[in-house]
Amino acid sequence: MHVNNTSTEKESLTKRKSVLGIRLFFIYLICYAGFVAIGVFQYELLAIQVLGGLNLALAYGIGLIIFAVILGVVYNYYCTKYEDEADAEPSNEIEGGGVA
């Protein structure tokens, strides 16, 4: 497990992860807002058969769930990558000279 050595490193990782999470959240929000907008303004479109007998409402809803899982995997991948990059960077602390 990654252990942050400095508060600066921890703040940097936290900021990068937060920015990524917020970006992915807004991507999902736009997709979900599209679903809600169709339901509010063009609800009759949701009854159209689109995939193998599924109507648009079911296909879109299942798609949103699958997309949320994919975004979770993407978030995990990049957070792990960020932590691995932080582990690979040389530490600015002097070996053995830190405060216990």
PDB file of N, CA and C in Angstrom:
ATOM      1  N   MET A   1       0.836  -1.176   0.000  1.00  0.00           N
ATOM      2  CA  MET A   1       0.000   0.000   0.000  1.00  0.00           C
ATOM      3  C   MET A   1       0.875   1.231   0.000  1.00  0.00           C
ATOM      4  N   HIS A   2       0.478   2.231  -0.699  1.00  0.00           N
ATOM      5  CA  HIS A   2       1.244   3.465  -0.783  1.00  0.00           C
ATOM      6  C   HIS A   2       1.098   4.264   0.506  1.00  0.00           C
ATOM      7  N   VAL A   3       2.229   4.689   1.033  1.00  0.00           N
ATOM      8  CA  VAL A   3       2.230   5.551   2.211  1.00  0.00           C
ATOM      9  C   VAL A   3       2.889   6.854   1.815  1.00  0.00           C
ATOM     10  N   ASN A   4       2.201   7.970   1.994  1.00  0.00           N
ATOM     11  CA  ASN A   4       2.758   9.265   1.639  1.00  0.00           C
ATOM     12  C   ASN A   4       3.834   9.660   2.637  1.00  0.00           C
ATOM     13  N   ASN A   5       4.962  10.115   2.115  1.00  0.00           N
ATOM     14  CA  ASN A   5       6.075  10.490   2.969  1.00  0.00           C
ATOM     15  C   ASN A   5       5.990  11.930   3.451  1.00  0.00           C
ATOM     16  N   THR A   6       5.440  12.791   2.647  1.00  0.00           N
ATOM     17  CA  THR A   6       5.380  14.200   3.007  1.00  0.00           C
ATOM     18  C   THR A   6       3.974  14.719   2.833  1.00  0.00           C
ATOM     19  N   SER A   7       3.684  15.805   3.537  1.00  0.00           N
ATOM     20  CA  SER A   7       2.355  16.387   3.380  1.00  0.00           C
ATOM     21  C   SER A   7       2.195  17.019   2.007  1.00  0.00           C
ATOM     22  N   THR A   8       3.305  17.512   1.428  1.00  0.00           N
ATOM     23  CA  THR A   8       3.236  18.099   0.086  1.00  0.00           C
ATOM     24  C   THR A   8       2.881  17.022  -0.937  1.00  0.00           C
ATOM     25  N   GLU A   9       3.495  15.856  -0.803  1.00  0.00           N
ATOM     26  CA  GLU A   9       3.193  14.751  -1.712  1.00  0.00           C
ATOM     27  C   GLU A   9       1.739  14.327  -1.551  1.00  0.00           C
ATOM     28  N   LYS A  10       1.272  14.260  -0.320  1.00  0.00           N
ATOM     29  CA  LYS A  10      -0.112  13.856  -0.055  1.00  0.00           C
ATOM     30  C   LYS A  10      -1.087  14.872  -0.644  1.00  0.00           C
ATOM     31  N   GLU A  11      -0.795  16.155  -0.472  1.00  0.00           N
ATOM     32  CA  GLU A  11      -1.667  17.201  -1.032  1.00  0.00           C
ATOM     33  C   GLU A  11      -1.691  17.131  -2.548  1.00  0.00           C
ATOM     34  N   SER A  12      -0.546  16.887  -3.169  1.00  0.00           N
ATOM     35  CA  SER A  12      -0.468  16.807  -4.626  1.00  0.00           C
ATOM     36  C   SER A  12      -1.293  15.629  -5.144  1.00  0.00           C
ATOM     37  N   LEU A  13      -1.134  14.459  -4.512  1.00  0.00           N
ATOM     38  CA  LEU A  13      -1.910  13.292  -4.934  1.00  0.00           C
ATOM     39  C   LEU A  13      -3.401  13.505  -4.720  1.00  0.00           C
ATOM     40  N   THR A  14      -3.744  14.069  -3.576  1.00  0.00           N
ATOM     41  CA  THR A  14      -5.153  14.315  -3.276  1.00  0.00           C
ATOM     42  C   THR A  14      -5.759  15.263  -4.299  1.00  0.00           C
ATOM     43  N   LYS A  15      -5.026  16.295  -4.663  1.00  0.00           N
ATOM     44  CA  LYS A  15      -5.533  17.258  -5.641  1.00  0.00           C
ATOM     45  C   LYS A  15      -5.721  16.599  -7.005  1.00  0.00           C
ATOM     46  N   ARG A  16      -4.737  15.816  -7.445  1.00  0.00           N
ATOM     47  CA  ARG A  16      -4.848  15.154  -8.747  1.00  0.00           C
ATOM     48  C   ARG A  16      -6.031  14.186  -8.776  1.00  0.00           C
ATOM     49  N   LYS A  17      -6.205  13.424  -7.699  1.00  0.00           N
ATOM     50  CA  LYS A  17      -7.324  12.483  -7.634  1.00  0.00           C
ATOM     51  C   LYS A  17      -8.659  13.220  -7.596  1.00  0.00           C
ATOM     52  N   SER A  18      -8.705  14.319  -6.863  1.00  0.00           N
ATOM     53  CA  SER A  18      -9.940  15.103  -6.771  1.00  0.00           C
ATOM     54  C   SER A  18     -10.329  15.686  -8.117  1.00  0.00           C
ATOM     55  N   VAL A  19      -9.355  16.241  -8.821  1.00  0.00           N
ATOM     56  CA  VAL A  19      -9.634  16.824 -10.140  1.00  0.00           C
ATOM     57  C   VAL A  19     -10.140  15.747 -11.091  1.00  0.00           C
ATOM     58  N   LEU A  20      -9.501  14.598 -11.067  1.00  0.00           N
ATOM     59  CA  LEU A  20      -9.948  13.487 -11.916  1.00  0.00           C
ATOM     60  C   LEU A  20     -11.371  13.076 -11.561  1.00  0.00           C
ATOM     61  N   GLY A  21     -11.645  12.917 -10.268  1.00  0.00           N
ATOM     62  CA  GLY A  21     -12.982  12.516  -9.825  1.00  0.00           C
ATOM     63  C   GLY A  21     -14.051  13.513 -10.228  1.00  0.00           C
ATOM     64  N   ILE A  22     -13.737  14.787 -10.107  1.00  0.00           N
ATOM     65  CA  ILE A  22     -14.703  15.826 -10.483  1.00  0.00           C
ATOM     66  C   ILE A  22     -14.960  15.804 -11.983  1.00  0.00           C
ATOM     67  N   ARG A  23     -13.909  15.638 -12.761  1.00  0.00           N
ATOM     68  CA  ARG A  23     -14.088  15.575 -14.223  1.00  0.00           C
ATOM     69  C   ARG A  23     -14.959  14.381 -14.622  1.00  0.00           C
ATOM     70  N   LEU A  24     -14.679  13.230 -14.044  1.00  0.00           N
ATOM     71  CA  LEU A  24     -15.474  12.049 -14.375  1.00  0.00           C
ATOM     72  C   LEU A  24     -16.915  12.210 -13.902  1.00  0.00           C
ATOM     73  N   PHE A  25     -17.100  12.856 -12.752  1.00  0.00           N
ATOM     74  CA  PHE A  25     -18.445  13.122 -12.254  1.00  0.00           C
ATOM     75  C   PHE A  25     -19.235  13.966 -13.251  1.00  0.00           C
ATOM     76  N   PHE A  26     -18.616  15.027 -13.779  1.00  0.00           N
ATOM     77  CA  PHE A  26     -19.340  15.894 -14.707  1.00  0.00           C
ATOM     78  C   PHE A  26     -19.603  15.202 -16.042  1.00  0.00           C
ATOM     79  N   ILE A  27     -18.709  14.326 -16.466  1.00  0.00           N
ATOM     80  CA  ILE A  27     -18.978  13.540 -17.676  1.00  0.00           C
ATOM     81  C   ILE A  27     -20.220  12.678 -17.460  1.00  0.00           C
ATOM     82  N   TYR A  28     -20.288  12.016 -16.300  1.00  0.00           N
ATOM     83  CA  TYR A  28     -21.447  11.183 -15.996  1.00  0.00           C
ATOM     84  C   TYR A  28     -22.705  12.032 -15.832  1.00  0.00           C
ATOM     85  N   LEU A  29     -22.562  13.176 -15.184  1.00  0.00           N
ATOM     86  CA  LEU A  29     -23.696  14.066 -14.966  1.00  0.00           C
ATOM     87  C   LEU A  29     -24.325  14.496 -16.290  1.00  0.00           C
ATOM     88  N   ILE A  30     -23.510  14.788 -17.272  1.00  0.00           N
ATOM     89  CA  ILE A  30     -24.023  15.186 -18.588  1.00  0.00           C
ATOM     90  C   ILE A  30     -24.818  14.034 -19.214  1.00  0.00           C
ATOM     91  N   CYS A  31     -24.281  12.818 -19.114  1.00  0.00           N
ATOM     92  CA  CYS A  31     -24.993  11.658 -19.667  1.00  0.00           C
ATOM     93  C   CYS A  31     -26.312  11.422 -18.942  1.00  0.00           C
ATOM     94  N   TYR A  32     -26.287  11.541 -17.622  1.00  0.00           N
ATOM     95  CA  TYR A  32     -27.501  11.335 -16.836  1.00  0.00           C
ATOM     96  C   TYR A  32     -28.520  12.450 -17.105  1.00  0.00           C
ATOM     97  N   ALA A  33     -28.026  13.678 -17.247  1.00  0.00           N
ATOM     98  CA  ALA A  33     -28.918  14.800 -17.546  1.00  0.00           C
ATOM     99  C   ALA A  33     -29.616  14.595 -18.888  1.00  0.00           C
ATOM    100  N   GLY A  34     -28.918  13.984 -19.842  1.00  0.00           N
ATOM    101  CA  GLY A  34     -29.536  13.665 -21.125  1.00  0.00           C
ATOM    102  C   GLY A  34     -30.706  12.711 -20.950  1.00  0.00           C
ATOM    103  N   PHE A  35     -30.519  11.710 -20.090  1.00  0.00           N
ATOM    104  CA  PHE A  35     -31.589  10.752 -19.806  1.00  0.00           C
ATOM    105  C   PHE A  35     -32.785  11.448 -19.159  1.00  0.00           C
ATOM    106  N   VAL A  36     -32.511  12.295 -18.190  1.00  0.00           N
ATOM    107  CA  VAL A  36     -33.586  13.026 -17.501  1.00  0.00           C
ATOM    108  C   VAL A  36     -34.286  13.982 -18.469  1.00  0.00           C
ATOM    109  N   ALA A  37     -33.509  14.667 -19.298  1.00  0.00           N
ATOM    110  CA  ALA A  37     -34.094  15.613 -20.254  1.00  0.00           C
ATOM    111  C   ALA A  37     -35.038  14.902 -21.225  1.00  0.00           C
ATOM    112  N   ILE A  38     -34.628  13.731 -21.690  1.00  0.00           N
ATOM    113  CA  ILE A  38     -35.516  12.969 -22.577  1.00  0.00           C
ATOM    114  C   ILE A  38     -36.789  12.588 -21.825  1.00  0.00           C
ATOM    115  N   GLY A  39     -36.649  12.172 -20.584  1.00  0.00           N
ATOM    116  CA  GLY A  39     -37.807  11.780 -19.784  1.00  0.00           C
ATOM    117  C   GLY A  39     -38.750  12.928 -19.504  1.00  0.00           C
ATOM    118  N   VAL A  40     -38.216  14.126 -19.399  1.00  0.00           N
ATOM    119  CA  VAL A  40     -39.051  15.286 -19.078  1.00  0.00           C
ATOM    120  C   VAL A  40     -39.662  15.901 -20.332  1.00  0.00           C
ATOM    121  N   PHE A  41     -38.847  16.072 -21.377  1.00  0.00           N
ATOM    122  CA  PHE A  41     -39.300  16.833 -22.538  1.00  0.00           C
ATOM    123  C   PHE A  41     -39.786  15.981 -23.714  1.00  0.00           C
ATOM    124  N   GLN A  42     -39.276  14.771 -23.860  1.00  0.00           N
ATOM    125  CA  GLN A  42     -39.662  13.908 -24.977  1.00  0.00           C
ATOM    126  C   GLN A  42     -39.907  12.480 -24.477  1.00  0.00           C
ATOM    127  N   TYR A  43     -40.715  12.347 -23.441  1.00  0.00           N
ATOM    128  CA  TYR A  43     -40.900  11.047 -22.792  1.00  0.00           C
ATOM    129  C   TYR A  43     -41.387   9.956 -23.739  1.00  0.00           C
ATOM    130  N   GLU A  44     -42.056  10.333 -24.827  1.00  0.00           N
ATOM    131  CA  GLU A  44     -42.529   9.299 -25.746  1.00  0.00           C
ATOM    132  C   GLU A  44     -41.375   8.610 -26.462  1.00  0.00           C
ATOM    133  N   LEU A  45     -40.208   9.246 -26.532  1.00  0.00           N
ATOM    134  CA  LEU A  45     -39.041   8.608 -27.146  1.00  0.00           C
ATOM    135  C   LEU A  45     -38.557   7.408 -26.336  1.00  0.00           C
ATOM    136  N   LEU A  46     -38.799   7.433 -25.051  1.00  0.00           N
ATOM    137  CA  LEU A  46     -38.323   6.348 -24.192  1.00  0.00           C
ATOM    138  C   LEU A  46     -39.011   5.017 -24.483  1.00  0.00           C
ATOM    139  N   ALA A  47     -40.136   5.040 -25.176  1.00  0.00           N
ATOM    140  CA  ALA A  47     -40.868   3.814 -25.516  1.00  0.00           C
ATOM    141  C   ALA A  47     -40.383   3.180 -26.818  1.00  0.00           C
ATOM    142  N   ILE A  48     -39.539   3.866 -27.562  1.00  0.00           N
ATOM    143  CA  ILE A  48     -39.047   3.342 -28.842  1.00  0.00           C
ATOM    144  C   ILE A  48     -38.174   2.110 -28.603  1.00  0.00           C
ATOM    145  N   GLN A  49     -38.420   1.059 -29.381  1.00  0.00           N
ATOM    146  CA  GLN A  49     -37.611  -0.159 -29.308  1.00  0.00           C
ATOM    147  C   GLN A  49     -36.255   0.115 -29.967  1.00  0.00           C
ATOM    148  N   VAL A  50     -35.161  -0.158 -29.239  1.00  0.00           N
ATOM    149  CA  VAL A  50     -33.843   0.140 -29.801  1.00  0.00           C
ATOM    150  C   VAL A  50     -32.928  -1.072 -29.898  1.00  0.00           C
ATOM    151  N   LEU A  51     -32.828  -1.884 -28.864  1.00  0.00           N
ATOM    152  CA  LEU A  51     -31.897  -3.017 -28.863  1.00  0.00           C
ATOM    153  C   LEU A  51     -32.599  -4.298 -28.437  1.00  0.00           C
ATOM    154  N   GLY A  52     -32.666  -5.253 -29.322  1.00  0.00           N
ATOM    155  CA  GLY A  52     -33.196  -6.564 -28.995  1.00  0.00           C
ATOM    156  C   GLY A  52     -34.509  -6.555 -28.238  1.00  0.00           C
ATOM    157  N   GLY A  53     -35.404  -5.680 -28.572  1.00  0.00           N
ATOM    158  CA  GLY A  53     -36.697  -5.610 -27.911  1.00  0.00           C
ATOM    159  C   GLY A  53     -36.727  -4.701 -26.693  1.00  0.00           C
ATOM    160  N   LEU A  54     -35.579  -4.170 -26.298  1.00  0.00           N
ATOM    161  CA  LEU A  54     -35.555  -3.224 -25.176  1.00  0.00           C
ATOM    162  C   LEU A  54     -35.946  -1.841 -25.660  1.00  0.00           C
ATOM    163  N   ASN A  55     -36.701  -1.151 -24.833  1.00  0.00           N
ATOM    164  CA  ASN A  55     -37.022   0.225 -25.207  1.00  0.00           C
ATOM    165  C   ASN A  55     -35.859   1.141 -24.804  1.00  0.00           C
ATOM    166  N   LEU A  56     -35.918   2.369 -25.267  1.00  0.00           N
ATOM    167  CA  LEU A  56     -34.831   3.317 -25.026  1.00  0.00           C
ATOM    168  C   LEU A  56     -34.610   3.556 -23.541  1.00  0.00           C
ATOM    169  N   ALA A  57     -35.678   3.583 -22.764  1.00  0.00           N
ATOM    170  CA  ALA A  57     -35.541   3.828 -21.323  1.00  0.00           C
ATOM    171  C   ALA A  57     -34.679   2.751 -20.668  1.00  0.00           C
ATOM    172  N   LEU A  58     -34.961   1.497 -20.947  1.00  0.00           N
ATOM    173  CA  LEU A  58     -34.182   0.404 -20.367  1.00  0.00           C
ATOM    174  C   LEU A  58     -32.753   0.383 -20.907  1.00  0.00           C
ATOM    175  N   ALA A  59     -32.603   0.545 -22.211  1.00  0.00           N
ATOM    176  CA  ALA A  59     -31.268   0.522 -22.807  1.00  0.00           C
ATOM    177  C   ALA A  59     -30.409   1.663 -22.260  1.00  0.00           C
ATOM    178  N   TYR A  60     -30.977   2.851 -22.174  1.00  0.00           N
ATOM    179  CA  TYR A  60     -30.248   4.014 -21.665  1.00  0.00           C
ATOM    180  C   TYR A  60     -29.908   3.802 -20.191  1.00  0.00           C
ATOM    181  N   GLY A  61     -30.861   3.309 -19.412  1.00  0.00           N
ATOM    182  CA  GLY A  61     -30.625   3.067 -17.990  1.00  0.00           C
ATOM    183  C   GLY A  61     -29.537   2.035 -17.744  1.00  0.00           C
ATOM    184  N   ILE A  62     -29.595   0.929 -18.474  1.00  0.00           N
ATOM    185  CA  ILE A  62     -28.552  -0.089 -18.351  1.00  0.00           C
ATOM    186  C   ILE A  62     -27.215   0.478 -18.816  1.00  0.00           C
ATOM    187  N   GLY A  63     -27.257   1.263 -19.883  1.00  0.00           N
ATOM    188  CA  GLY A  63     -26.037   1.910 -20.370  1.00  0.00           C
ATOM    189  C   GLY A  63     -25.424   2.837 -19.330  1.00  0.00           C
ATOM    190  N   LEU A  64     -26.263   3.573 -18.604  1.00  0.00           N
ATOM    191  CA  LEU A  64     -25.765   4.456 -17.548  1.00  0.00           C
ATOM    192  C   LEU A  64     -25.084   3.666 -16.430  1.00  0.00           C
ATOM    193  N   ILE A  65     -25.665   2.541 -16.070  1.00  0.00           N
ATOM    194  CA  ILE A  65     -25.068   1.709 -15.024  1.00  0.00           C
ATOM    195  C   ILE A  65     -23.717   1.165 -15.477  1.00  0.00           C
ATOM    196  N   ILE A  66     -23.655   0.650 -16.687  1.00  0.00           N
ATOM    197  CA  ILE A  66     -22.399   0.117 -17.222  1.00  0.00           C
ATOM    198  C   ILE A  66     -21.361   1.230 -17.342  1.00  0.00           C
ATOM    199  N   PHE A  67     -21.795   2.406 -17.786  1.00  0.00           N
ATOM    200  CA  PHE A  67     -20.886   3.548 -17.927  1.00  0.00           C
ATOM    201  C   PHE A  67     -20.334   3.972 -16.567  1.00  0.00           C
ATOM    202  N   ALA A  68     -21.159   3.924 -15.525  1.00  0.00           N
ATOM    203  CA  ALA A  68     -20.691   4.264 -14.176  1.00  0.00           C
ATOM    204  C   ALA A  68     -19.603   3.287 -13.719  1.00  0.00           C
ATOM    205  N   VAL A  69     -19.780   2.008 -14.016  1.00  0.00           N
ATOM    206  CA  VAL A  69     -18.770   1.013 -13.660  1.00  0.00           C
ATOM    207  C   VAL A  69     -17.474   1.271 -14.430  1.00  0.00           C
ATOM    208  N   ILE A  70     -17.594   1.582 -15.710  1.00  0.00           N
ATOM    209  CA  ILE A  70     -16.416   1.881 -16.531  1.00  0.00           C
ATOM    210  C   ILE A  70     -15.681   3.108 -15.981  1.00  0.00           C
ATOM    211  N   LEU A  71     -16.428   4.142 -15.617  1.00  0.00           N
ATOM    212  CA  LEU A  71     -15.789   5.327 -15.044  1.00  0.00           C
ATOM    213  C   LEU A  71     -15.093   5.004 -13.727  1.00  0.00           C
ATOM    214  N   GLY A  72     -15.668   4.111 -12.940  1.00  0.00           N
ATOM    215  CA  GLY A  72     -15.026   3.684 -11.698  1.00  0.00           C
ATOM    216  C   GLY A  72     -13.704   2.976 -11.962  1.00  0.00           C
ATOM    217  N   VAL A  73     -13.676   2.127 -12.983  1.00  0.00           N
ATOM    218  CA  VAL A  73     -12.444   1.428 -13.355  1.00  0.00           C
ATOM    219  C   VAL A  73     -11.406   2.434 -13.854  1.00  0.00           C
ATOM    220  N   VAL A  74     -11.823   3.388 -14.660  1.00  0.00           N
ATOM    221  CA  VAL A  74     -10.914   4.426 -15.160  1.00  0.00           C
ATOM    222  C   VAL A  74     -10.346   5.229 -13.992  1.00  0.00           C
ATOM    223  N   TYR A  75     -11.200   5.609 -13.048  1.00  0.00           N
ATOM    224  CA  TYR A  75     -10.750   6.369 -11.882  1.00  0.00           C
ATOM    225  C   TYR A  75      -9.720   5.565 -11.086  1.00  0.00           C
ATOM    226  N   ASN A  76      -9.993   4.297 -10.853  1.00  0.00           N
ATOM    227  CA  ASN A  76      -9.071   3.448 -10.111  1.00  0.00           C
ATOM    228  C   ASN A  76      -7.736   3.315 -10.848  1.00  0.00           C
ATOM    229  N   TYR A  77      -7.783   3.127 -12.157  1.00  0.00           N
ATOM    230  CA  TYR A  77      -6.567   2.989 -12.959  1.00  0.00           C
ATOM    231  C   TYR A  77      -5.680   4.229 -12.818  1.00  0.00           C
ATOM    232  N   TYR A  78      -6.276   5.401 -13.013  1.00  0.00           N
ATOM    233  CA  TYR A  78      -5.473   6.620 -12.964  1.00  0.00           C
ATOM    234  C   TYR A  78      -4.997   6.949 -11.549  1.00  0.00           C
ATOM    235  N   CYS A  79      -5.795   6.676 -10.529  1.00  0.00           N
ATOM    236  CA  CYS A  79      -5.341   6.910  -9.152  1.00  0.00           C
ATOM    237  C   CYS A  79      -4.157   6.014  -8.821  1.00  0.00           C
ATOM    238  N   THR A  80      -4.214   4.756  -9.251  1.00  0.00           N
ATOM    239  CA  THR A  80      -3.091   3.845  -9.043  1.00  0.00           C
ATOM    240  C   THR A  80      -1.863   4.327  -9.801  1.00  0.00           C
ATOM    241  N   LYS A  81      -2.071   4.805 -11.017  1.00  0.00           N
ATOM    242  CA  LYS A  81      -0.966   5.330 -11.821  1.00  0.00           C
ATOM    243  C   LYS A  81      -0.338   6.542 -11.132  1.00  0.00           C
ATOM    244  N   TYR A  82      -1.157   7.445 -10.612  1.00  0.00           N
ATOM    245  CA  TYR A  82      -0.641   8.623  -9.914  1.00  0.00           C
ATOM    246  C   TYR A  82       0.181   8.217  -8.691  1.00  0.00           C
ATOM    247  N   GLU A  83      -0.292   7.240  -7.939  1.00  0.00           N
ATOM    248  CA  GLU A  83       0.433   6.788  -6.759  1.00  0.00           C
ATOM    249  C   GLU A  83       1.738   6.097  -7.136  1.00  0.00           C
ATOM    250  N   ASP A  84       1.716   5.322  -8.209  1.00  0.00           N
ATOM    251  CA  ASP A  84       2.939   4.671  -8.672  1.00  0.00           C
ATOM    252  C   ASP A  84       3.964   5.708  -9.125  1.00  0.00           C
ATOM    253  N   GLU A  85       3.508   6.754  -9.799  1.00  0.00           N
ATOM    254  CA  GLU A  85       4.410   7.831 -10.220  1.00  0.00           C
ATOM    255  C   GLU A  85       5.007   8.538  -9.006  1.00  0.00           C
ATOM    256  N   ALA A  86       4.196   8.750  -7.977  1.00  0.00           N
ATOM    257  CA  ALA A  86       4.686   9.403  -6.763  1.00  0.00           C
ATOM    258  C   ALA A  86       5.697   8.514  -6.054  1.00  0.00           C
ATOM    259  N   ASP A  87       5.498   7.211  -6.061  1.00  0.00           N
ATOM    260  CA  ASP A  87       6.452   6.282  -5.448  1.00  0.00           C
ATOM    261  C   ASP A  87       7.772   6.274  -6.201  1.00  0.00           C
ATOM    262  N   ALA A  88       7.716   6.447  -7.525  1.00  0.00           N
ATOM    263  CA  ALA A  88       8.919   6.398  -8.354  1.00  0.00           C
ATOM    264  C   ALA A  88       9.764   7.664  -8.234  1.00  0.00           C
ATOM    265  N   GLU A  89       9.141   8.783  -7.857  1.00  0.00           N
ATOM    266  CA  GLU A  89       9.884  10.035  -7.726  1.00  0.00           C
ATOM    267  C   GLU A  89      10.792   9.967  -6.510  1.00  0.00           C
ATOM    268  N   PRO A  90      12.027  10.499  -6.648  1.00  0.00           N
ATOM    269  CA  PRO A  90      12.924  10.508  -5.487  1.00  0.00           C
ATOM    270  C   PRO A  90      12.395  11.440  -4.405  1.00  0.00           C
ATOM    271  N   SER A  91      12.562  11.018  -3.158  1.00  0.00           N
ATOM    272  CA  SER A  91      12.087  11.808  -2.023  1.00  0.00           C
ATOM    273  C   SER A  91      13.034  12.961  -1.747  1.00  0.00           C
ATOM    274  N   ASN A  92      12.500  14.102  -1.323  1.00  0.00           N
ATOM    275  CA  ASN A  92      13.320  15.262  -0.995  1.00  0.00           C
ATOM    276  C   ASN A  92      13.865  15.193   0.420  1.00  0.00           C
ATOM    277  N   GLU A  93      13.444  14.198   1.216  1.00  0.00           N
ATOM    278  CA  GLU A  93      13.901  14.080   2.572  1.00  0.00           C
ATOM    279  C   GLU A  93      15.277  13.402   2.620  1.00  0.00           C
ATOM    280  N   ILE A  94      16.056  13.740   3.618  1.00  0.00           N
ATOM    281  CA  ILE A  94      17.349  13.123   3.824  1.00  0.00           C
ATOM    282  C   ILE A  94      17.121  11.792   4.521  1.00  0.00           C
ATOM    283  N   GLU A  95      17.784  10.735   4.042  1.00  0.00           N
ATOM    284  CA  GLU A  95      17.629   9.404   4.611  1.00  0.00           C
ATOM    285  C   GLU A  95      17.985   9.416   6.089  1.00  0.00           C
ATOM    286  N   GLY A  96      17.089   8.949   6.925  1.00  0.00           N
ATOM    287  CA  GLY A  96      17.346   8.819   8.345  1.00  0.00           C
ATOM    288  C   GLY A  96      17.299  10.130   9.108  1.00  0.00           C
ATOM    289  N   GLY A  97      17.099  11.239   8.432  1.00  0.00           N
ATOM    290  CA  GLY A  97      17.106  12.533   9.095  1.00  0.00           C
ATOM    291  C   GLY A  97      15.734  13.062   9.413  1.00  0.00           C
ATOM    292  N   GLY A  98      14.695  12.273   9.161  1.00  0.00           N
ATOM    293  CA  GLY A  98      13.337  12.719   9.414  1.00  0.00           C
ATOM    294  C   GLY A  98      12.985  12.660  10.878  1.00  0.00           C
ATOM    295  N   VAL A  99      11.951  13.356  11.251  1.00  0.00           N
ATOM    296  CA  VAL A  99      11.478  13.349  12.629  1.00  0.00           C
ATOM    297  C   VAL A  99      10.583  12.138  12.822  1.00  0.00           C
ATOM    298  N   ALA A 100      10.795  11.396  13.883  1.00  0.00           N
ATOM    299  CA  ALA A 100      10.028  10.180  14.130  1.00  0.00           C
ATOM    300  C   ALA A 100       8.731  10.482  14.804  1.00  0.00           C
TER     301      ALA A 100
END
